[in-house]
Amino acid sequence: MIDIHILQHPQQDRTTHLKRVLRKLGKIPDLVNIFLTPGVDRHIGLGRMQGFSLGTSDYVTFIDDDDDIEPNIFQDCIDLLDGDDSIDAVVTDERHVIDGKIKKPLRKWLPVDGQQYDIETARYIHHLVVFRRSSIQPYLDMLQNWPDLCEFTMCGKMILDGKKFIHLDKVGYYWYLHPNNARNMKIVPSQDTIEMMKTMYTIVSQR
């Protein structure tokens, strides 16, 4: 089983999107436990920390309340994790949905020390990531330090610590980019987050 927390936006009503995801997850009741988790205003990390703490299944992941998933992907992730105890997380590919059109991931350009580091969100560091609960548990308290970009930063810390991430070459997640974030990808993370992402990118790009 996979415990899935669906983080709900604290200021926006996304009922239509949420119903779509719940319908899909309802087709695989034997694979997933669903926890609707209230988001924390201006602090995604705290919401994630609370969500990941819910449930007792061996595997955990998250979905945002305005995105979409491929429900069949969860069995593939479980099969990989069940088959190899050394795997800490399975990462699928994602697609972006902009103005109703499905596209391959955009590139986020993060300025660090005057240079441009190309962060590809589809692999290793974004959606959909199914974690082994025992592997992610030591990192949950850290999420309260990262109000934004917490998924990138946590995965980066895990990679730096030698955790094993396996890339599943299938699309598992559709990230809906709304006008405000689809056309304005400017990110202003903390310096700690910048340094973590910089090191993480160096490692991931060498794989």
N, C-alpha and C. Protein backbone atom coordinates (compact mmCIF):
# COMPACT_ATOMS: atom_id res chain seq x y z
N MET A 1 0.83 -1.21 0.00
CA MET A 1 0.00 0.00 0.00
C MET A 1 0.87 1.26 0.00
N ILE A 2 0.32 2.31 -0.56
CA ILE A 2 0.98 3.61 -0.56
C ILE A 2 0.06 4.61 0.14
N ASP A 3 0.59 5.30 1.13
CA ASP A 3 -0.15 6.40 1.75
C ASP A 3 0.08 7.66 0.93
N ILE A 4 -1.00 8.24 0.43
CA ILE A 4 -0.92 9.43 -0.41
C ILE A 4 -1.57 10.59 0.33
N HIS A 5 -0.80 11.65 0.57
CA HIS A 5 -1.46 12.84 1.10
C HIS A 5 -1.66 13.84 -0.04
N ILE A 6 -2.87 14.36 -0.09
CA ILE A 6 -3.23 15.37 -1.09
C ILE A 6 -3.27 16.70 -0.38
N LEU A 7 -2.27 17.53 -0.68
CA LEU A 7 -2.14 18.82 0.00
C LEU A 7 -3.11 19.82 -0.63
N GLN A 8 -4.02 20.35 0.18
CA GLN A 8 -5.04 21.26 -0.31
C GLN A 8 -4.62 22.71 -0.10
N HIS A 9 -4.79 23.50 -1.15
CA HIS A 9 -4.37 24.90 -1.11
C HIS A 9 -5.16 25.65 -0.04
N PRO A 10 -4.47 26.41 0.82
CA PRO A 10 -5.18 27.07 1.92
C PRO A 10 -6.05 28.25 1.50
N GLN A 11 -5.88 28.76 0.27
CA GLN A 11 -6.61 29.97 -0.12
C GLN A 11 -7.46 29.80 -1.36
N GLN A 12 -7.32 28.67 -2.07
CA GLN A 12 -8.05 28.51 -3.33
C GLN A 12 -8.94 27.27 -3.28
N ASP A 13 -10.10 27.37 -3.89
CA ASP A 13 -11.01 26.24 -4.00
C ASP A 13 -10.70 25.49 -5.29
N ARG A 14 -10.19 24.28 -5.13
CA ARG A 14 -9.80 23.48 -6.30
C ARG A 14 -10.62 22.18 -6.35
N THR A 15 -11.89 22.29 -6.00
CA THR A 15 -12.76 21.12 -5.87
C THR A 15 -12.84 20.33 -7.17
N THR A 16 -12.94 21.01 -8.29
CA THR A 16 -13.08 20.31 -9.57
C THR A 16 -11.88 19.45 -9.86
N HIS A 17 -10.68 20.00 -9.68
CA HIS A 17 -9.46 19.22 -9.89
C HIS A 17 -9.40 18.05 -8.91
N LEU A 18 -9.72 18.33 -7.66
CA LEU A 18 -9.62 17.30 -6.62
C LEU A 18 -10.55 16.13 -6.91
N LYS A 19 -11.76 16.41 -7.34
CA LYS A 19 -12.70 15.33 -7.65
C LYS A 19 -12.16 14.43 -8.76
N ARG A 20 -11.50 15.02 -9.74
CA ARG A 20 -10.94 14.24 -10.84
C ARG A 20 -9.89 13.25 -10.33
N VAL A 21 -8.99 13.74 -9.47
CA VAL A 21 -7.95 12.86 -8.93
C VAL A 21 -8.55 11.78 -8.04
N LEU A 22 -9.52 12.15 -7.21
CA LEU A 22 -10.13 11.17 -6.31
C LEU A 22 -10.86 10.08 -7.09
N ARG A 23 -11.48 10.44 -8.23
CA ARG A 23 -12.13 9.42 -9.06
C ARG A 23 -11.11 8.41 -9.56
N LYS A 24 -9.96 8.89 -9.98
CA LYS A 24 -8.93 7.98 -10.50
C LYS A 24 -8.37 7.10 -9.39
N LEU A 25 -8.09 7.70 -8.25
CA LEU A 25 -7.56 6.92 -7.13
C LEU A 25 -8.59 5.92 -6.62
N GLY A 26 -9.87 6.25 -6.78
CA GLY A 26 -10.93 5.34 -6.36
C GLY A 26 -10.95 4.05 -7.14
N LYS A 27 -10.27 4.01 -8.27
CA LYS A 27 -10.22 2.79 -9.08
C LYS A 27 -9.17 1.80 -8.57
N ILE A 28 -8.31 2.25 -7.65
CA ILE A 28 -7.25 1.37 -7.15
C ILE A 28 -7.27 1.36 -5.61
N PRO A 29 -8.42 1.02 -5.01
CA PRO A 29 -8.53 1.09 -3.54
C PRO A 29 -7.61 0.14 -2.81
N ASP A 30 -7.17 -0.93 -3.47
CA ASP A 30 -6.30 -1.90 -2.81
C ASP A 30 -4.84 -1.47 -2.81
N LEU A 31 -4.53 -0.36 -3.49
CA LEU A 31 -3.13 0.08 -3.60
C LEU A 31 -2.83 1.32 -2.78
N VAL A 32 -3.84 2.15 -2.51
CA VAL A 32 -3.55 3.46 -1.91
C VAL A 32 -4.48 3.77 -0.74
N ASN A 33 -3.94 4.47 0.24
CA ASN A 33 -4.71 5.13 1.28
C ASN A 33 -4.62 6.63 1.04
N ILE A 34 -5.73 7.34 1.10
CA ILE A 34 -5.77 8.75 0.74
C ILE A 34 -6.01 9.60 1.99
N PHE A 35 -5.17 10.63 2.14
CA PHE A 35 -5.32 11.56 3.25
C PHE A 35 -5.39 12.98 2.69
N LEU A 36 -6.56 13.62 2.86
CA LEU A 36 -6.69 15.02 2.46
C LEU A 36 -6.07 15.87 3.55
N THR A 37 -5.07 16.66 3.18
CA THR A 37 -4.25 17.39 4.15
C THR A 37 -4.37 18.89 3.93
N PRO A 38 -4.84 19.65 4.92
CA PRO A 38 -4.90 21.10 4.77
C PRO A 38 -3.51 21.70 4.58
N GLY A 39 -3.36 22.55 3.59
CA GLY A 39 -2.09 23.23 3.39
C GLY A 39 -1.87 24.32 4.43
N VAL A 40 -0.62 24.70 4.61
CA VAL A 40 -0.26 25.78 5.53
C VAL A 40 0.09 27.00 4.71
N ASP A 41 -0.57 28.11 4.98
CA ASP A 41 -0.39 29.31 4.18
C ASP A 41 1.07 29.75 4.16
N ARG A 42 1.62 29.91 2.97
CA ARG A 42 2.98 30.38 2.73
C ARG A 42 4.06 29.45 3.31
N HIS A 43 3.71 28.18 3.51
CA HIS A 43 4.73 27.24 4.01
C HIS A 43 4.39 25.83 3.55
N ILE A 44 4.78 25.52 2.31
CA ILE A 44 4.49 24.21 1.75
C ILE A 44 5.16 23.11 2.57
N GLY A 45 6.36 23.39 3.07
CA GLY A 45 7.11 22.38 3.81
C GLY A 45 6.36 21.86 5.03
N LEU A 46 5.70 22.75 5.76
CA LEU A 46 4.95 22.31 6.94
C LEU A 46 3.78 21.42 6.54
N GLY A 47 3.11 21.77 5.45
CA GLY A 47 2.02 20.92 4.96
C GLY A 47 2.52 19.55 4.57
N ARG A 48 3.66 19.51 3.87
CA ARG A 48 4.24 18.23 3.47
C ARG A 48 4.64 17.41 4.70
N MET A 49 5.25 18.05 5.68
CA MET A 49 5.68 17.36 6.89
C MET A 49 4.50 16.68 7.57
N GLN A 50 3.40 17.40 7.67
CA GLN A 50 2.20 16.83 8.29
C GLN A 50 1.64 15.69 7.44
N GLY A 51 1.62 15.89 6.12
CA GLY A 51 1.06 14.87 5.24
C GLY A 51 1.85 13.58 5.24
N PHE A 52 3.17 13.68 5.17
CA PHE A 52 4.01 12.49 5.15
C PHE A 52 3.93 11.71 6.46
N SER A 53 3.51 12.37 7.53
CA SER A 53 3.43 11.71 8.83
C SER A 53 2.16 10.89 9.00
N LEU A 54 1.22 11.03 8.07
CA LEU A 54 -0.04 10.32 8.17
C LEU A 54 0.08 8.89 7.64
N GLY A 55 -0.64 7.98 8.26
CA GLY A 55 -0.66 6.61 7.80
C GLY A 55 0.49 5.77 8.33
N THR A 56 0.44 4.51 8.01
CA THR A 56 1.46 3.55 8.49
C THR A 56 1.98 2.64 7.39
N SER A 57 1.59 2.88 6.14
CA SER A 57 2.03 2.01 5.04
C SER A 57 3.54 2.13 4.82
N ASP A 58 4.10 1.13 4.18
CA ASP A 58 5.54 1.12 3.94
C ASP A 58 5.97 2.20 2.97
N TYR A 59 5.06 2.65 2.10
CA TYR A 59 5.41 3.60 1.06
C TYR A 59 4.53 4.84 1.15
N VAL A 60 5.09 6.00 0.78
CA VAL A 60 4.36 7.26 0.87
C VAL A 60 4.65 8.12 -0.36
N THR A 61 3.68 8.97 -0.70
CA THR A 61 3.88 9.96 -1.75
C THR A 61 2.89 11.10 -1.53
N PHE A 62 2.90 12.07 -2.44
CA PHE A 62 2.01 13.21 -2.32
C PHE A 62 1.49 13.62 -3.69
N ILE A 63 0.32 14.24 -3.66
CA ILE A 63 -0.29 14.82 -4.86
C ILE A 63 -0.82 16.19 -4.47
N ASP A 64 -0.70 17.15 -5.35
CA ASP A 64 -1.31 18.45 -5.09
C ASP A 64 -2.76 18.43 -5.57
N ASP A 65 -3.58 19.26 -4.98
CA ASP A 65 -5.03 19.17 -5.20
C ASP A 65 -5.49 19.72 -6.53
N ASP A 66 -4.58 20.23 -7.35
CA ASP A 66 -4.99 20.75 -8.66
C ASP A 66 -4.27 20.04 -9.80
N ASP A 67 -3.62 18.92 -9.51
CA ASP A 67 -2.87 18.21 -10.54
C ASP A 67 -3.56 16.90 -10.90
N ASP A 68 -2.89 16.06 -11.67
CA ASP A 68 -3.50 14.82 -12.15
C ASP A 68 -2.45 13.72 -12.17
N ILE A 69 -2.91 12.48 -12.16
CA ILE A 69 -1.98 11.34 -12.09
C ILE A 69 -2.41 10.24 -13.05
N GLU A 70 -1.50 9.30 -13.28
CA GLU A 70 -1.80 8.06 -13.98
C GLU A 70 -1.93 6.98 -12.90
N PRO A 71 -3.13 6.53 -12.58
CA PRO A 71 -3.30 5.62 -11.45
C PRO A 71 -2.56 4.30 -11.59
N ASN A 72 -2.37 3.83 -12.82
CA ASN A 72 -1.69 2.55 -13.02
C ASN A 72 -0.21 2.59 -12.63
N ILE A 73 0.33 3.81 -12.46
CA ILE A 73 1.76 3.93 -12.16
C ILE A 73 2.10 3.42 -10.76
N PHE A 74 1.12 3.42 -9.86
CA PHE A 74 1.42 3.08 -8.47
C PHE A 74 1.81 1.61 -8.32
N GLN A 75 1.19 0.73 -9.07
CA GLN A 75 1.58 -0.68 -9.00
C GLN A 75 3.02 -0.87 -9.48
N ASP A 76 3.40 -0.15 -10.53
CA ASP A 76 4.77 -0.24 -11.02
C ASP A 76 5.77 0.20 -9.94
N CYS A 77 5.43 1.27 -9.22
CA CYS A 77 6.32 1.77 -8.16
C CYS A 77 6.41 0.77 -7.02
N ILE A 78 5.28 0.19 -6.65
CA ILE A 78 5.28 -0.81 -5.58
C ILE A 78 6.12 -2.02 -5.98
N ASP A 79 5.98 -2.47 -7.21
CA ASP A 79 6.73 -3.63 -7.68
C ASP A 79 8.24 -3.39 -7.57
N LEU A 80 8.70 -2.19 -7.95
CA LEU A 80 10.12 -1.88 -7.86
C LEU A 80 10.60 -1.86 -6.41
N LEU A 81 9.83 -1.22 -5.54
CA LEU A 81 10.23 -1.11 -4.14
C LEU A 81 10.16 -2.46 -3.44
N ASP A 82 9.14 -3.24 -3.74
CA ASP A 82 9.03 -4.58 -3.15
C ASP A 82 10.16 -5.49 -3.60
N GLY A 83 10.62 -5.27 -4.83
CA GLY A 83 11.62 -6.17 -5.41
C GLY A 83 13.05 -5.89 -5.00
N ASP A 84 13.30 -4.73 -4.37
CA ASP A 84 14.67 -4.38 -4.03
C ASP A 84 14.66 -3.49 -2.78
N ASP A 85 15.06 -4.05 -1.65
CA ASP A 85 15.04 -3.30 -0.39
C ASP A 85 16.04 -2.15 -0.37
N SER A 86 16.97 -2.12 -1.32
CA SER A 86 17.96 -1.05 -1.32
C SER A 86 17.43 0.23 -1.96
N ILE A 87 16.28 0.15 -2.64
CA ILE A 87 15.70 1.33 -3.28
C ILE A 87 14.98 2.17 -2.23
N ASP A 88 15.29 3.45 -2.20
CA ASP A 88 14.66 4.37 -1.25
C ASP A 88 13.50 5.13 -1.85
N ALA A 89 13.51 5.34 -3.17
CA ALA A 89 12.43 6.09 -3.81
C ALA A 89 12.38 5.76 -5.30
N VAL A 90 11.18 5.79 -5.84
CA VAL A 90 10.97 5.61 -7.28
C VAL A 90 10.39 6.91 -7.84
N VAL A 91 10.97 7.38 -8.92
CA VAL A 91 10.56 8.65 -9.53
C VAL A 91 10.06 8.41 -10.94
N THR A 92 8.88 8.93 -11.25
CA THR A 92 8.35 8.81 -12.60
C THR A 92 8.61 10.11 -13.36
N ASP A 93 8.32 10.08 -14.64
CA ASP A 93 8.35 11.31 -15.43
C ASP A 93 7.06 12.08 -15.19
N GLU A 94 7.09 13.36 -15.49
CA GLU A 94 5.90 14.18 -15.39
C GLU A 94 5.69 14.93 -16.70
N ARG A 95 4.50 15.41 -16.88
CA ARG A 95 4.17 16.31 -17.98
C ARG A 95 3.54 17.56 -17.39
N HIS A 96 3.74 18.68 -18.05
CA HIS A 96 3.12 19.92 -17.64
C HIS A 96 1.86 20.16 -18.46
N VAL A 97 0.85 20.70 -17.83
CA VAL A 97 -0.39 21.04 -18.51
C VAL A 97 -0.56 22.55 -18.43
N ILE A 98 -0.51 23.18 -19.60
CA ILE A 98 -0.61 24.64 -19.68
C ILE A 98 -1.72 25.00 -20.67
N ASP A 99 -2.70 25.74 -20.20
CA ASP A 99 -3.84 26.13 -21.04
C ASP A 99 -4.50 24.91 -21.68
N GLY A 100 -4.57 23.83 -20.90
CA GLY A 100 -5.24 22.62 -21.37
C GLY A 100 -4.40 21.74 -22.28
N LYS A 101 -3.17 22.13 -22.56
CA LYS A 101 -2.31 21.36 -23.45
C LYS A 101 -1.20 20.67 -22.66
N ILE A 102 -0.99 19.39 -22.95
CA ILE A 102 0.05 18.61 -22.26
C ILE A 102 1.38 18.83 -22.96
N LYS A 103 2.39 19.19 -22.17
CA LYS A 103 3.71 19.47 -22.73
C LYS A 103 4.78 18.78 -21.91
N LYS A 104 5.93 18.56 -22.54
CA LYS A 104 7.08 18.06 -21.79
C LYS A 104 7.53 19.16 -20.83
N PRO A 105 8.25 18.77 -19.78
CA PRO A 105 8.58 19.75 -18.73
C PRO A 105 9.30 20.98 -19.24
N LEU A 106 8.91 22.10 -18.67
CA LEU A 106 9.68 23.32 -18.88
C LEU A 106 10.99 23.21 -18.12
N ARG A 107 11.86 24.15 -18.32
CA ARG A 107 13.11 24.15 -17.56
C ARG A 107 13.09 25.34 -16.62
N LYS A 108 13.42 25.07 -15.37
CA LYS A 108 13.49 26.14 -14.39
C LYS A 108 14.94 26.61 -14.30
N TRP A 109 15.14 27.87 -14.52
CA TRP A 109 16.49 28.41 -14.46
C TRP A 109 16.69 29.07 -13.11
N LEU A 110 17.58 28.51 -12.34
CA LEU A 110 17.82 29.00 -10.99
C LEU A 110 19.17 29.70 -10.93
N PRO A 111 19.19 31.02 -10.74
CA PRO A 111 20.48 31.73 -10.69
C PRO A 111 21.24 31.42 -9.41
N VAL A 112 22.44 30.94 -9.57
CA VAL A 112 23.31 30.65 -8.42
C VAL A 112 24.70 31.19 -8.73
N ASP A 113 25.19 32.10 -7.90
CA ASP A 113 26.54 32.65 -8.07
C ASP A 113 26.75 33.20 -9.49
N GLY A 114 25.72 33.83 -10.02
CA GLY A 114 25.86 34.46 -11.33
C GLY A 114 25.76 33.51 -12.50
N GLN A 115 25.56 32.20 -12.24
CA GLN A 115 25.46 31.23 -13.32
C GLN A 115 24.02 30.72 -13.39
N GLN A 116 23.72 30.00 -14.46
CA GLN A 116 22.39 29.44 -14.64
C GLN A 116 22.47 27.93 -14.52
N TYR A 117 21.79 27.38 -13.51
CA TYR A 117 21.76 25.94 -13.33
C TYR A 117 20.42 25.41 -13.82
N ASP A 118 20.50 24.48 -14.74
CA ASP A 118 19.31 23.95 -15.40
C ASP A 118 18.74 22.82 -14.55
N ILE A 119 17.56 23.04 -13.94
CA ILE A 119 16.94 22.03 -13.11
C ILE A 119 15.81 21.37 -13.90
N GLU A 120 15.99 20.09 -14.26
CA GLU A 120 14.96 19.37 -15.01
C GLU A 120 14.01 18.72 -14.01
N THR A 121 12.78 19.17 -13.96
CA THR A 121 11.89 18.74 -12.90
C THR A 121 11.35 17.33 -13.08
N ALA A 122 11.50 16.75 -14.25
CA ALA A 122 10.87 15.45 -14.47
C ALA A 122 11.63 14.30 -13.82
N ARG A 123 12.89 14.46 -13.52
CA ARG A 123 13.68 13.34 -13.03
C ARG A 123 14.27 13.65 -11.66
N TYR A 124 14.08 12.71 -10.76
CA TYR A 124 14.70 12.69 -9.45
C TYR A 124 14.14 13.68 -8.44
N ILE A 125 13.64 14.82 -8.85
CA ILE A 125 13.47 15.87 -7.86
C ILE A 125 12.08 16.50 -7.85
N HIS A 126 11.10 15.89 -8.46
CA HIS A 126 9.77 16.50 -8.40
C HIS A 126 8.70 15.42 -8.37
N HIS A 127 7.75 15.43 -9.31
CA HIS A 127 6.63 14.49 -9.31
C HIS A 127 6.92 13.34 -10.28
N LEU A 128 6.39 12.23 -10.08
CA LEU A 128 5.77 11.65 -8.91
C LEU A 128 6.86 10.85 -8.20
N VAL A 129 7.01 11.03 -6.93
CA VAL A 129 8.04 10.32 -6.17
C VAL A 129 7.36 9.46 -5.11
N VAL A 130 7.56 8.15 -5.19
CA VAL A 130 7.06 7.23 -4.16
C VAL A 130 8.25 6.84 -3.29
N PHE A 131 8.18 7.20 -2.02
CA PHE A 131 9.27 6.98 -1.08
C PHE A 131 9.01 5.74 -0.22
N ARG A 132 10.07 5.10 0.19
CA ARG A 132 9.98 4.12 1.27
C ARG A 132 9.85 4.92 2.58
N ARG A 133 8.84 4.63 3.37
CA ARG A 133 8.59 5.43 4.57
C ARG A 133 9.80 5.47 5.50
N SER A 134 10.42 4.34 5.69
CA SER A 134 11.58 4.29 6.60
C SER A 134 12.74 5.13 6.09
N SER A 135 12.80 5.35 4.77
CA SER A 135 13.89 6.15 4.19
C SER A 135 13.63 7.64 4.34
N ILE A 136 12.38 8.03 4.27
CA ILE A 136 12.05 9.46 4.31
C ILE A 136 11.88 9.97 5.74
N GLN A 137 11.60 9.07 6.66
CA GLN A 137 11.28 9.48 8.03
C GLN A 137 12.31 10.42 8.66
N PRO A 138 13.61 10.16 8.52
CA PRO A 138 14.60 11.04 9.16
C PRO A 138 14.63 12.46 8.61
N TYR A 139 13.98 12.69 7.48
CA TYR A 139 14.05 14.00 6.82
C TYR A 139 12.81 14.86 7.06
N LEU A 140 11.80 14.30 7.68
CA LEU A 140 10.52 15.02 7.77
C LEU A 140 10.63 16.30 8.58
N ASP A 141 11.37 16.27 9.69
CA ASP A 141 11.49 17.49 10.50
C ASP A 141 12.16 18.62 9.74
N MET A 142 13.01 18.27 8.77
CA MET A 142 13.70 19.30 7.99
C MET A 142 12.74 20.12 7.14
N LEU A 143 11.60 19.53 6.79
CA LEU A 143 10.66 20.21 5.91
C LEU A 143 10.16 21.53 6.49
N GLN A 144 10.16 21.64 7.83
CA GLN A 144 9.69 22.89 8.44
C GLN A 144 10.66 24.04 8.18
N ASN A 145 11.86 23.72 7.71
CA ASN A 145 12.84 24.77 7.40
C ASN A 145 12.72 25.28 5.98
N TRP A 146 11.89 24.64 5.17
CA TRP A 146 11.81 24.97 3.75
C TRP A 146 10.39 25.35 3.37
N PRO A 147 10.04 26.62 3.42
CA PRO A 147 8.67 27.03 3.08
C PRO A 147 8.32 26.82 1.61
N ASP A 148 9.34 26.82 0.74
CA ASP A 148 9.08 26.57 -0.67
C ASP A 148 10.16 25.64 -1.21
N LEU A 149 9.89 25.08 -2.38
CA LEU A 149 10.84 24.17 -3.03
C LEU A 149 11.25 23.02 -2.12
N CYS A 150 10.36 22.64 -1.21
CA CYS A 150 10.74 21.65 -0.20
C CYS A 150 10.98 20.27 -0.81
N GLU A 151 10.23 19.90 -1.87
CA GLU A 151 10.44 18.58 -2.47
C GLU A 151 11.83 18.50 -3.11
N PHE A 152 12.19 19.55 -3.85
CA PHE A 152 13.51 19.58 -4.47
C PHE A 152 14.60 19.44 -3.40
N THR A 153 14.45 20.22 -2.35
CA THR A 153 15.49 20.28 -1.33
C THR A 153 15.60 18.98 -0.57
N MET A 154 14.47 18.39 -0.19
CA MET A 154 14.52 17.14 0.55
C MET A 154 15.11 16.02 -0.28
N CYS A 155 14.68 15.91 -1.54
CA CYS A 155 15.24 14.87 -2.41
C CYS A 155 16.74 15.10 -2.61
N GLY A 156 17.13 16.38 -2.72
CA GLY A 156 18.55 16.68 -2.85
C GLY A 156 19.34 16.22 -1.66
N LYS A 157 18.81 16.46 -0.46
CA LYS A 157 19.50 16.03 0.76
C LYS A 157 19.59 14.51 0.80
N MET A 158 18.54 13.83 0.40
CA MET A 158 18.57 12.37 0.39
C MET A 158 19.61 11.85 -0.59
N ILE A 159 19.67 12.48 -1.77
CA ILE A 159 20.66 12.07 -2.77
C ILE A 159 22.07 12.29 -2.25
N LEU A 160 22.30 13.43 -1.60
CA LEU A 160 23.62 13.71 -1.04
C LEU A 160 23.99 12.70 0.03
N ASP A 161 23.00 12.18 0.73
CA ASP A 161 23.25 11.19 1.77
C ASP A 161 23.37 9.78 1.23
N GLY A 162 23.30 9.65 -0.08
CA GLY A 162 23.51 8.34 -0.69
C GLY A 162 22.27 7.50 -0.85
N LYS A 163 21.08 8.10 -0.68
CA LYS A 163 19.85 7.34 -0.86
C LYS A 163 19.68 6.98 -2.33
N LYS A 164 19.09 5.83 -2.56
CA LYS A 164 18.98 5.29 -3.91
C LYS A 164 17.64 5.66 -4.55
N PHE A 165 17.69 6.49 -5.59
CA PHE A 165 16.52 6.89 -6.35
C PHE A 165 16.53 6.15 -7.68
N ILE A 166 15.43 5.49 -8.01
CA ILE A 166 15.29 4.78 -9.28
C ILE A 166 14.32 5.55 -10.17
N HIS A 167 14.72 5.77 -11.40
CA HIS A 167 13.86 6.47 -12.36
C HIS A 167 13.04 5.46 -13.14
N LEU A 168 11.71 5.57 -13.03
CA LEU A 168 10.79 4.76 -13.81
C LEU A 168 10.42 5.55 -15.07
N ASP A 169 10.77 5.01 -16.21
CA ASP A 169 10.62 5.73 -17.47
C ASP A 169 9.19 5.68 -17.98
N LYS A 170 8.28 6.20 -17.17
CA LYS A 170 6.87 6.30 -17.53
C LYS A 170 6.33 7.61 -16.96
N VAL A 171 5.33 8.16 -17.64
CA VAL A 171 4.69 9.37 -17.13
C VAL A 171 3.71 8.97 -16.03
N GLY A 172 3.89 9.56 -14.84
CA GLY A 172 3.01 9.26 -13.74
C GLY A 172 2.23 10.46 -13.24
N TYR A 173 2.64 11.67 -13.67
CA TYR A 173 2.08 12.87 -13.05
C TYR A 173 1.88 13.96 -14.08
N TYR A 174 0.78 14.69 -13.93
CA TYR A 174 0.51 15.85 -14.78
C TYR A 174 0.41 17.08 -13.88
N TRP A 175 1.38 17.96 -14.03
CA TRP A 175 1.48 19.16 -13.19
C TRP A 175 0.79 20.31 -13.92
N TYR A 176 -0.31 20.77 -13.37
CA TYR A 176 -1.07 21.87 -13.97
C TYR A 176 -0.42 23.20 -13.60
N LEU A 177 0.12 23.86 -14.60
CA LEU A 177 0.75 25.16 -14.39
C LEU A 177 -0.26 26.25 -14.73
N HIS A 178 -0.68 26.98 -13.73
CA HIS A 178 -1.66 28.03 -13.91
C HIS A 178 -0.97 29.29 -14.42
N PRO A 179 -1.72 30.25 -14.95
CA PRO A 179 -1.10 31.43 -15.57
C PRO A 179 -0.02 32.10 -14.73
N ASN A 180 -0.22 32.19 -13.45
CA ASN A 180 0.75 32.90 -12.61
C ASN A 180 2.09 32.20 -12.52
N ASN A 181 2.08 30.84 -12.54
CA ASN A 181 3.37 30.16 -12.43
C ASN A 181 3.83 29.54 -13.75
N ALA A 182 2.95 29.46 -14.74
CA ALA A 182 3.37 28.93 -16.03
C ALA A 182 4.17 29.95 -16.82
N ARG A 183 3.80 31.22 -16.66
CA ARG A 183 4.46 32.26 -17.45
C ARG A 183 5.50 33.03 -16.65
N ASN A 184 5.47 32.86 -15.35
CA ASN A 184 6.45 33.54 -14.52
C ASN A 184 7.11 32.50 -13.62
N MET A 185 8.20 31.90 -14.09
CA MET A 185 8.85 30.81 -13.37
C MET A 185 9.93 31.32 -12.43
N LYS A 186 9.90 32.60 -12.11
CA LYS A 186 10.91 33.16 -11.23
C LYS A 186 10.79 32.57 -9.83
N ILE A 187 11.90 32.13 -9.29
CA ILE A 187 11.92 31.51 -7.97
C ILE A 187 12.90 32.29 -7.10
N VAL A 188 12.52 32.55 -5.87
CA VAL A 188 13.42 33.24 -4.95
C VAL A 188 13.56 32.38 -3.70
N PRO A 189 14.33 31.31 -3.77
CA PRO A 189 14.47 30.43 -2.62
C PRO A 189 15.47 30.97 -1.61
N SER A 190 15.51 30.33 -0.44
CA SER A 190 16.49 30.71 0.57
C SER A 190 17.88 30.29 0.11
N GLN A 191 18.91 30.86 0.75
CA GLN A 191 20.28 30.52 0.37
C GLN A 191 20.57 29.05 0.65
N ASP A 192 20.03 28.51 1.76
CA ASP A 192 20.23 27.09 2.06
C ASP A 192 19.66 26.22 0.95
N THR A 193 18.47 26.60 0.47
CA THR A 193 17.85 25.85 -0.62
C THR A 193 18.68 25.95 -1.89
N ILE A 194 19.19 27.13 -2.18
CA ILE A 194 20.02 27.32 -3.37
C ILE A 194 21.25 26.42 -3.33
N GLU A 195 21.93 26.39 -2.20
CA GLU A 195 23.14 25.58 -2.09
C GLU A 195 22.82 24.10 -2.23
N MET A 196 21.70 23.67 -1.63
CA MET A 196 21.31 22.27 -1.74
C MET A 196 20.99 21.90 -3.18
N MET A 197 20.23 22.77 -3.86
CA MET A 197 19.86 22.48 -5.24
C MET A 197 21.07 22.51 -6.16
N LYS A 198 21.99 23.40 -5.88
CA LYS A 198 23.21 23.47 -6.69
C LYS A 198 23.99 22.16 -6.61
N THR A 199 24.19 21.65 -5.41
CA THR A 199 24.92 20.40 -5.23
C THR A 199 24.14 19.24 -5.80
N MET A 200 22.83 19.23 -5.57
CA MET A 200 21.97 18.17 -6.08
C MET A 200 22.03 18.11 -7.59
N TYR A 201 21.96 19.25 -8.24
CA TYR A 201 22.00 19.28 -9.70
C TYR A 201 23.31 18.69 -10.22
N THR A 202 24.40 19.03 -9.55
CA THR A 202 25.70 18.51 -9.98
C THR A 202 25.72 16.99 -9.95
N ILE A 203 25.16 16.42 -8.89
CA ILE A 203 25.15 14.97 -8.75
C ILE A 203 24.22 14.32 -9.75
N VAL A 204 22.99 14.83 -9.86
CA VAL A 204 22.00 14.25 -10.76
C VAL A 204 22.45 14.33 -12.21
N SER A 205 23.08 15.44 -12.59
CA SER A 205 23.49 15.63 -13.97
C SER A 205 24.60 14.68 -14.38
N GLN A 206 25.28 14.09 -13.42
CA GLN A 206 26.36 13.16 -13.71
C GLN A 206 25.88 11.72 -13.85
N ARG A 207 24.60 11.50 -13.57
CA ARG A 207 24.08 10.13 -13.61
C ARG A 207 23.60 9.75 -15.01
